[in-house]
Amino acid sequence: MKKFIHDFQIVANRRVNEEYFVLSLSGKQQLPEIKPGQFVQVRVDNGPNTFLRRPISVYNVDYDKNILYLLIQVVGEGTRVLSELKSGEILNLVYPLGNTFSLPDGEKALLIGGGVGVAPLMLLGRWLKEQNKEPVFLFGFRNSGLIVDIDLFNRFGKVYIATDDGSAGEKGVVTQHSFLRKETGDISMVYTCGPEVMMKAVALWAENNDIPCEASLETNMACGIGACLCCAQETVHGISHVCTDGPVFNSKELVW
């Protein structure tokens, strides 16, 4: 797929909660097809230690309005600089990067995300709905104050929540949610993104229930195009690179 380097104008910077924000970006050029699971490499200007681009999952796309949406968590200097962008400012992207999720054979799919790992699952859930599939979301957050855009996810499928402190949904980590102990025979595919320890547990649960699982890896990247080779990932086939061979992998191919 062809890659682009374009400037985008900030349409809006919506603060979701104390850690998360959504950038709405519009470019002069018409957006190409962006598939669920793909990401962009963002250039972070005006920061003394932000000379490397940041990989950010595509949250959603509005082709009619030509707007690209990025859900971002403030975790360091680069994302802090991005969180302070104002409407009308310019952001440079390399996009669209990476591969995409597979379409499930059956009708029902389970999408499990933790923290900012919910980001690629928005576009995935929308795509599954458009393909006449039934996405079900299972999300984990530290507390109710960090829950992200549940009303938007509800447009595409049922949402279940777990919080570490029990302030919303069920108390505990997402992989201990009671939904995973119910009848799962109608789930034909599991998709997951979030902390590695969570994805490992999800992959094990899927394998124990004989359900295919795909994981979108959250890995630091410098280039996003396979040049720097810093995002190496061990697989059963040898070393792969998350930016070009992923970020989506069949969980059985990963050497966790």
Foldseek 3Di string as FASTA:
>chain_A
DDKDKFKWFFAAWADFFPWKIKTKTAGPDQDDDDAQLWWKFKQQPDDPPRRFTWTFGFQDADRVRRITMTMDTPDDDRVVSVNPDHGGDMIIIIDGFFDHDDQFPAAEAEEEEEQSQCRSVNRVLVVSVVVNHAYEYQYEYQAPRRDGDPVSSVVRYHYAYEHCPCNDGHHDGRLPHCVLVDDDVRHAEYEYEYDPVVVVSVLVSCVVVVHWYKYQYDFGDRPLPPDPQPQWFQFPVGIDHCSHNHSIDGPNGGDD
